[in-house]
Amino acid sequence: QDDLCDRKKILSLKKLLMKVPLLESLDLSHCFSKKSGFSDWSVLVELLKEHPHLKDLNLGNNNIGDGGMQALSGAAQHLTNLQALFLSANEIGVGGMQALSGAAQHLTNLQALFLSANEIGVGGMQALS
């Protein structure tokens, strides 16, 4: 039930954001239910692909996990203007960091990356290097 609601949230948000194609800052922190284990990140990826002007993206506290990071990394090639990416408190581990590392080649303007309160560990940091 919650997962369906979260999907509907994104689809509604997508309709709204179509009206602001030059959007530069988007805060979706605490937006998706941790209880539901929302996992259809492809819907969010499609929304992000349509907003290449984003400079700041906050996805903190959304229970993204490694699988979500793998899905979201698909949006990176469209977010080349991104300067700040907030991914704190998302239960991201080594697999998520590997996905982020692969996406980093497209994030050439990234100046700030927030990863606090995740489960990155030494292996995750090595994946980024």
N, C-alpha and C. Protein backbone atom coordinates (compact mmCIF):
# COMPACT_ATOMS: atom_id res chain seq x y z
N GLN A 1 0.82 -1.20 0.00
CA GLN A 1 0.00 0.00 0.00
C GLN A 1 0.87 1.26 0.00
N ASP A 2 1.84 1.35 0.95
CA ASP A 2 2.70 2.53 1.01
C ASP A 2 3.52 2.70 -0.25
N ASP A 3 3.99 1.57 -0.81
CA ASP A 3 4.79 1.62 -2.03
C ASP A 3 3.99 2.23 -3.17
N LEU A 4 2.72 1.87 -3.27
CA LEU A 4 1.85 2.42 -4.28
C LEU A 4 1.67 3.92 -4.07
N CYS A 5 1.52 4.32 -2.81
CA CYS A 5 1.38 5.75 -2.51
C CYS A 5 2.65 6.51 -2.90
N ASP A 6 3.81 5.93 -2.63
CA ASP A 6 5.06 6.58 -2.98
C ASP A 6 5.19 6.72 -4.50
N ARG A 7 4.79 5.69 -5.22
CA ARG A 7 4.83 5.76 -6.69
C ARG A 7 3.90 6.87 -7.18
N LYS A 8 2.73 6.96 -6.60
CA LYS A 8 1.78 8.02 -6.98
C LYS A 8 2.35 9.39 -6.65
N LYS A 9 3.08 9.50 -5.53
CA LYS A 9 3.72 10.77 -5.17
C LYS A 9 4.67 11.22 -6.27
N ILE A 10 5.48 10.29 -6.75
CA ILE A 10 6.47 10.63 -7.77
C ILE A 10 5.77 11.01 -9.08
N LEU A 11 4.75 10.27 -9.46
CA LEU A 11 4.05 10.59 -10.70
C LEU A 11 3.37 11.95 -10.61
N SER A 12 2.81 12.28 -9.46
CA SER A 12 2.20 13.60 -9.26
C SER A 12 3.26 14.69 -9.30
N LEU A 13 4.39 14.42 -8.65
CA LEU A 13 5.49 15.36 -8.65
C LEU A 13 6.02 15.58 -10.06
N LYS A 14 6.09 14.51 -10.82
CA LYS A 14 6.57 14.60 -12.20
C LYS A 14 5.69 15.55 -13.02
N LYS A 15 4.37 15.45 -12.84
CA LYS A 15 3.46 16.35 -13.55
C LYS A 15 3.70 17.79 -13.15
N LEU A 16 3.87 18.02 -11.87
CA LEU A 16 4.11 19.38 -11.38
C LEU A 16 5.43 19.93 -11.92
N LEU A 17 6.48 19.12 -11.86
CA LEU A 17 7.81 19.59 -12.27
C LEU A 17 7.94 19.79 -13.78
N MET A 18 7.03 19.23 -14.55
CA MET A 18 7.05 19.47 -16.00
C MET A 18 6.80 20.95 -16.27
N LYS A 19 6.19 21.64 -15.32
CA LYS A 19 5.89 23.06 -15.48
C LYS A 19 7.10 23.93 -15.15
N VAL A 20 8.14 23.34 -14.58
CA VAL A 20 9.35 24.10 -14.24
C VAL A 20 10.59 23.36 -14.78
N PRO A 21 10.75 23.36 -16.10
CA PRO A 21 11.84 22.59 -16.71
C PRO A 21 13.24 23.10 -16.37
N LEU A 22 13.36 24.33 -15.90
CA LEU A 22 14.68 24.87 -15.58
C LEU A 22 15.00 24.78 -14.09
N LEU A 23 14.30 23.92 -13.39
CA LEU A 23 14.49 23.73 -11.95
C LEU A 23 15.95 23.42 -11.64
N GLU A 24 16.50 24.10 -10.63
CA GLU A 24 17.90 23.91 -10.26
C GLU A 24 18.09 23.23 -8.91
N SER A 25 17.07 23.24 -8.06
CA SER A 25 17.21 22.65 -6.73
C SER A 25 15.97 21.83 -6.41
N LEU A 26 16.18 20.59 -5.95
CA LEU A 26 15.08 19.70 -5.65
C LEU A 26 15.38 18.96 -4.35
N ASP A 27 14.51 19.14 -3.36
CA ASP A 27 14.66 18.49 -2.06
C ASP A 27 13.58 17.44 -1.90
N LEU A 28 13.97 16.18 -1.99
CA LEU A 28 13.05 15.06 -1.80
C LEU A 28 13.42 14.27 -0.55
N SER A 29 14.08 14.92 0.39
CA SER A 29 14.45 14.22 1.62
C SER A 29 13.19 13.83 2.39
N HIS A 30 13.26 12.70 3.06
CA HIS A 30 12.14 12.18 3.87
C HIS A 30 10.86 12.02 3.06
N CYS A 31 10.97 11.79 1.78
CA CYS A 31 9.80 11.80 0.91
C CYS A 31 9.17 10.42 0.73
N PHE A 32 9.97 9.39 0.82
CA PHE A 32 9.47 8.04 0.55
C PHE A 32 9.47 7.21 1.82
N SER A 33 8.45 6.43 1.98
CA SER A 33 8.22 5.69 3.22
C SER A 33 9.30 4.65 3.48
N LYS A 34 9.96 4.77 4.62
CA LYS A 34 10.94 3.75 5.00
C LYS A 34 10.22 2.46 5.37
N LYS A 35 9.05 2.59 5.91
CA LYS A 35 8.27 1.44 6.34
C LYS A 35 7.88 0.56 5.16
N SER A 36 7.60 1.17 4.03
CA SER A 36 7.11 0.41 2.87
C SER A 36 8.24 -0.29 2.13
N GLY A 37 9.47 0.19 2.31
CA GLY A 37 10.57 -0.38 1.54
C GLY A 37 10.42 -0.04 0.06
N PHE A 38 9.99 1.18 -0.22
CA PHE A 38 9.78 1.64 -1.60
C PHE A 38 10.97 1.20 -2.46
N SER A 39 10.69 0.64 -3.62
CA SER A 39 11.78 0.11 -4.43
C SER A 39 11.69 0.44 -5.92
N ASP A 40 10.66 1.14 -6.35
CA ASP A 40 10.53 1.44 -7.77
C ASP A 40 11.24 2.75 -8.10
N TRP A 41 12.56 2.73 -7.96
CA TRP A 41 13.36 3.94 -8.17
C TRP A 41 13.41 4.34 -9.63
N SER A 42 13.01 3.46 -10.54
CA SER A 42 13.03 3.81 -11.96
C SER A 42 12.09 4.98 -12.26
N VAL A 43 11.02 5.11 -11.49
CA VAL A 43 10.09 6.23 -11.68
C VAL A 43 10.79 7.54 -11.35
N LEU A 44 11.57 7.54 -10.26
CA LEU A 44 12.32 8.74 -9.89
C LEU A 44 13.41 9.02 -10.91
N VAL A 45 14.04 7.99 -11.41
CA VAL A 45 15.08 8.16 -12.43
C VAL A 45 14.50 8.88 -13.64
N GLU A 46 13.32 8.49 -14.08
CA GLU A 46 12.69 9.14 -15.23
C GLU A 46 12.42 10.61 -14.94
N LEU A 47 11.99 10.92 -13.73
CA LEU A 47 11.76 12.32 -13.34
C LEU A 47 13.06 13.11 -13.40
N LEU A 48 14.13 12.54 -12.86
CA LEU A 48 15.42 13.24 -12.83
C LEU A 48 16.00 13.45 -14.23
N LYS A 49 15.79 12.51 -15.11
CA LYS A 49 16.29 12.64 -16.48
C LYS A 49 15.70 13.86 -17.19
N GLU A 50 14.51 14.25 -16.79
CA GLU A 50 13.83 15.37 -17.42
C GLU A 50 14.24 16.72 -16.83
N HIS A 51 15.17 16.70 -15.88
CA HIS A 51 15.61 17.95 -15.24
C HIS A 51 17.13 18.07 -15.22
N PRO A 52 17.73 18.21 -16.40
CA PRO A 52 19.19 18.27 -16.51
C PRO A 52 19.80 19.55 -15.93
N HIS A 53 18.96 20.53 -15.57
CA HIS A 53 19.49 21.79 -15.02
C HIS A 53 19.69 21.72 -13.51
N LEU A 54 19.33 20.59 -12.89
CA LEU A 54 19.47 20.48 -11.44
C LEU A 54 20.91 20.71 -11.00
N LYS A 55 21.06 21.54 -9.99
CA LYS A 55 22.37 21.78 -9.39
C LYS A 55 22.45 21.19 -7.98
N ASP A 56 21.32 21.14 -7.29
CA ASP A 56 21.25 20.60 -5.93
C ASP A 56 20.15 19.55 -5.87
N LEU A 57 20.50 18.36 -5.39
CA LEU A 57 19.53 17.28 -5.26
C LEU A 57 19.67 16.65 -3.89
N ASN A 58 18.60 16.70 -3.12
CA ASN A 58 18.61 16.11 -1.79
C ASN A 58 17.69 14.90 -1.77
N LEU A 59 18.28 13.74 -1.61
CA LEU A 59 17.54 12.48 -1.51
C LEU A 59 17.75 11.83 -0.14
N GLY A 60 18.16 12.62 0.84
CA GLY A 60 18.46 12.09 2.16
C GLY A 60 17.26 11.46 2.85
N ASN A 61 17.54 10.46 3.68
CA ASN A 61 16.53 9.79 4.51
C ASN A 61 15.40 9.16 3.69
N ASN A 62 15.77 8.41 2.68
CA ASN A 62 14.76 7.78 1.83
C ASN A 62 14.92 6.26 1.71
N ASN A 63 15.78 5.65 2.50
CA ASN A 63 15.93 4.20 2.47
C ASN A 63 16.27 3.69 1.07
N ILE A 64 17.15 4.39 0.39
CA ILE A 64 17.49 4.05 -0.99
C ILE A 64 18.20 2.70 -1.09
N GLY A 65 19.17 2.46 -0.23
CA GLY A 65 19.88 1.19 -0.25
C GLY A 65 20.73 1.01 -1.51
N ASP A 66 21.38 -0.15 -1.59
CA ASP A 66 22.25 -0.43 -2.73
C ASP A 66 21.48 -0.58 -4.03
N GLY A 67 20.34 -1.26 -3.99
CA GLY A 67 19.53 -1.45 -5.20
C GLY A 67 19.02 -0.13 -5.74
N GLY A 68 18.60 0.74 -4.85
CA GLY A 68 18.13 2.06 -5.27
C GLY A 68 19.25 2.88 -5.89
N MET A 69 20.45 2.78 -5.31
CA MET A 69 21.59 3.51 -5.86
C MET A 69 21.94 3.00 -7.25
N GLN A 70 21.83 1.70 -7.45
CA GLN A 70 22.10 1.16 -8.79
C GLN A 70 21.11 1.72 -9.80
N ALA A 71 19.84 1.79 -9.42
CA ALA A 71 18.82 2.35 -10.32
C ALA A 71 19.06 3.84 -10.55
N LEU A 72 19.32 4.58 -9.47
CA LEU A 72 19.48 6.03 -9.58
C LEU A 72 20.73 6.43 -10.35
N SER A 73 21.73 5.57 -10.37
CA SER A 73 22.95 5.90 -11.10
C SER A 73 22.66 6.06 -12.60
N GLY A 74 21.55 5.48 -13.05
CA GLY A 74 21.15 5.62 -14.45
C GLY A 74 20.77 7.04 -14.83
N ALA A 75 20.48 7.87 -13.84
CA ALA A 75 20.13 9.27 -14.13
C ALA A 75 21.35 10.16 -14.22
N ALA A 76 22.50 9.68 -13.79
CA ALA A 76 23.70 10.52 -13.68
C ALA A 76 24.11 11.17 -15.00
N GLN A 77 23.99 10.46 -16.09
CA GLN A 77 24.42 11.03 -17.37
C GLN A 77 23.57 12.22 -17.79
N HIS A 78 22.40 12.37 -17.15
CA HIS A 78 21.52 13.51 -17.45
C HIS A 78 21.68 14.64 -16.45
N LEU A 79 22.47 14.41 -15.40
CA LEU A 79 22.61 15.39 -14.32
C LEU A 79 24.01 15.99 -14.29
N THR A 80 24.51 16.35 -15.44
CA THR A 80 25.88 16.84 -15.54
C THR A 80 26.09 18.21 -14.89
N ASN A 81 25.01 18.93 -14.58
CA ASN A 81 25.12 20.23 -13.91
C ASN A 81 25.07 20.11 -12.39
N LEU A 82 24.86 18.92 -11.89
CA LEU A 82 24.70 18.72 -10.45
C LEU A 82 25.96 19.14 -9.70
N GLN A 83 25.77 20.00 -8.69
CA GLN A 83 26.88 20.49 -7.88
C GLN A 83 26.86 19.93 -6.47
N ALA A 84 25.67 19.63 -5.94
CA ALA A 84 25.55 19.08 -4.58
C ALA A 84 24.56 17.93 -4.58
N LEU A 85 24.99 16.81 -4.01
CA LEU A 85 24.16 15.62 -3.94
C LEU A 85 24.11 15.14 -2.50
N PHE A 86 22.92 15.12 -1.94
CA PHE A 86 22.70 14.71 -0.56
C PHE A 86 22.11 13.30 -0.54
N LEU A 87 22.88 12.36 0.00
CA LEU A 87 22.45 10.96 0.07
C LEU A 87 22.54 10.43 1.50
N SER A 88 22.55 11.30 2.48
CA SER A 88 22.71 10.88 3.87
C SER A 88 21.54 10.02 4.34
N ALA A 89 21.84 9.10 5.26
CA ALA A 89 20.84 8.26 5.93
C ALA A 89 19.96 7.48 4.95
N ASN A 90 20.61 6.72 4.08
CA ASN A 90 19.88 5.95 3.07
C ASN A 90 20.23 4.47 3.07
N GLU A 91 20.94 4.00 4.06
CA GLU A 91 21.33 2.59 4.15
C GLU A 91 22.11 2.14 2.92
N ILE A 92 22.96 3.02 2.44
CA ILE A 92 23.82 2.72 1.29
C ILE A 92 25.05 1.97 1.78
N GLY A 93 25.36 0.88 1.12
CA GLY A 93 26.53 0.07 1.47
C GLY A 93 27.53 0.03 0.32
N VAL A 94 28.32 -1.03 0.30
CA VAL A 94 29.38 -1.17 -0.70
C VAL A 94 28.80 -1.17 -2.13
N GLY A 95 27.74 -1.93 -2.35
CA GLY A 95 27.13 -2.00 -3.68
C GLY A 95 26.64 -0.64 -4.17
N GLY A 96 26.07 0.13 -3.27
CA GLY A 96 25.60 1.47 -3.63
C GLY A 96 26.75 2.39 -3.96
N MET A 97 27.84 2.23 -3.24
CA MET A 97 29.01 3.07 -3.50
C MET A 97 29.66 2.68 -4.83
N GLN A 98 29.61 1.41 -5.17
CA GLN A 98 30.12 0.99 -6.47
C GLN A 98 29.30 1.60 -7.59
N ALA A 99 27.97 1.65 -7.41
CA ALA A 99 27.10 2.28 -8.41
C ALA A 99 27.39 3.77 -8.51
N LEU A 100 27.59 4.41 -7.36
CA LEU A 100 27.90 5.84 -7.35
C LEU A 100 29.24 6.11 -8.03
N SER A 101 30.19 5.24 -7.81
CA SER A 101 31.50 5.39 -8.43
C SER A 101 31.39 5.34 -9.96
N GLY A 102 30.57 4.44 -10.46
CA GLY A 102 30.36 4.34 -11.90
C GLY A 102 29.66 5.57 -12.46
N ALA A 103 28.74 6.14 -11.67
CA ALA A 103 27.99 7.32 -12.10
C ALA A 103 28.83 8.58 -12.04
N ALA A 104 29.85 8.58 -11.20
CA ALA A 104 30.65 9.79 -10.95
C ALA A 104 31.30 10.35 -12.21
N GLN A 105 31.57 9.52 -13.19
CA GLN A 105 32.18 10.02 -14.43
C GLN A 105 31.30 11.05 -15.13
N HIS A 106 29.99 11.01 -14.88
CA HIS A 106 29.06 11.97 -15.49
C HIS A 106 28.85 13.20 -14.62
N LEU A 107 29.17 13.09 -13.35
CA LEU A 107 28.91 14.17 -12.39
C LEU A 107 30.14 15.08 -12.29
N THR A 108 30.55 15.62 -13.40
CA THR A 108 31.80 16.37 -13.48
C THR A 108 31.76 17.72 -12.78
N ASN A 109 30.58 18.25 -12.49
CA ASN A 109 30.46 19.53 -11.79
C ASN A 109 30.17 19.36 -10.30
N LEU A 110 30.14 18.12 -9.83
CA LEU A 110 29.82 17.86 -8.43
C LEU A 110 30.89 18.45 -7.52
N GLN A 111 30.44 19.28 -6.58
CA GLN A 111 31.34 19.93 -5.62
C GLN A 111 31.12 19.44 -4.20
N ALA A 112 29.93 18.94 -3.90
CA ALA A 112 29.62 18.49 -2.54
C ALA A 112 28.82 17.20 -2.60
N LEU A 113 29.27 16.22 -1.82
CA LEU A 113 28.61 14.92 -1.74
C LEU A 113 28.42 14.59 -0.27
N PHE A 114 27.18 14.39 0.14
CA PHE A 114 26.86 14.13 1.54
C PHE A 114 26.43 12.68 1.70
N LEU A 115 27.21 11.92 2.45
CA LEU A 115 26.98 10.48 2.61
C LEU A 115 26.88 10.04 4.07
N SER A 116 26.70 10.97 4.99
CA SER A 116 26.70 10.61 6.41
C SER A 116 25.55 9.64 6.73
N ALA A 117 25.74 8.89 7.80
CA ALA A 117 24.73 7.96 8.33
C ALA A 117 24.33 6.88 7.32
N ASN A 118 25.30 6.36 6.60
CA ASN A 118 25.10 5.22 5.72
C ASN A 118 25.97 4.07 6.24
N GLU A 119 25.95 2.95 5.55
CA GLU A 119 26.71 1.76 5.95
C GLU A 119 27.83 1.50 4.95
N ILE A 120 28.57 2.56 4.62
CA ILE A 120 29.57 2.51 3.56
C ILE A 120 30.76 1.64 3.92
N GLY A 121 31.34 1.89 5.06
CA GLY A 121 32.51 1.12 5.49
C GLY A 121 33.72 1.36 4.62
N VAL A 122 34.77 0.62 4.92
CA VAL A 122 36.03 0.75 4.19
C VAL A 122 35.85 0.31 2.74
N GLY A 123 35.12 -0.78 2.53
CA GLY A 123 34.89 -1.27 1.17
C GLY A 123 34.18 -0.27 0.29
N GLY A 124 33.21 0.44 0.86
CA GLY A 124 32.48 1.46 0.10
C GLY A 124 33.36 2.64 -0.25
N MET A 125 34.23 3.03 0.66
CA MET A 125 35.14 4.14 0.38
C MET A 125 36.16 3.74 -0.68
N GLN A 126 36.59 2.49 -0.63
CA GLN A 126 37.52 2.00 -1.64
C GLN A 126 36.86 1.97 -3.02
N ALA A 127 35.56 1.67 -3.05
CA ALA A 127 34.83 1.65 -4.32
C ALA A 127 34.79 3.02 -4.95
N LEU A 128 34.76 4.07 -4.13
CA LEU A 128 34.73 5.44 -4.65
C LEU A 128 36.08 5.91 -5.18
N SER A 129 37.15 5.31 -4.65
CA SER A 129 38.48 5.79 -5.04
C SER A 129 38.96 5.19 -6.35
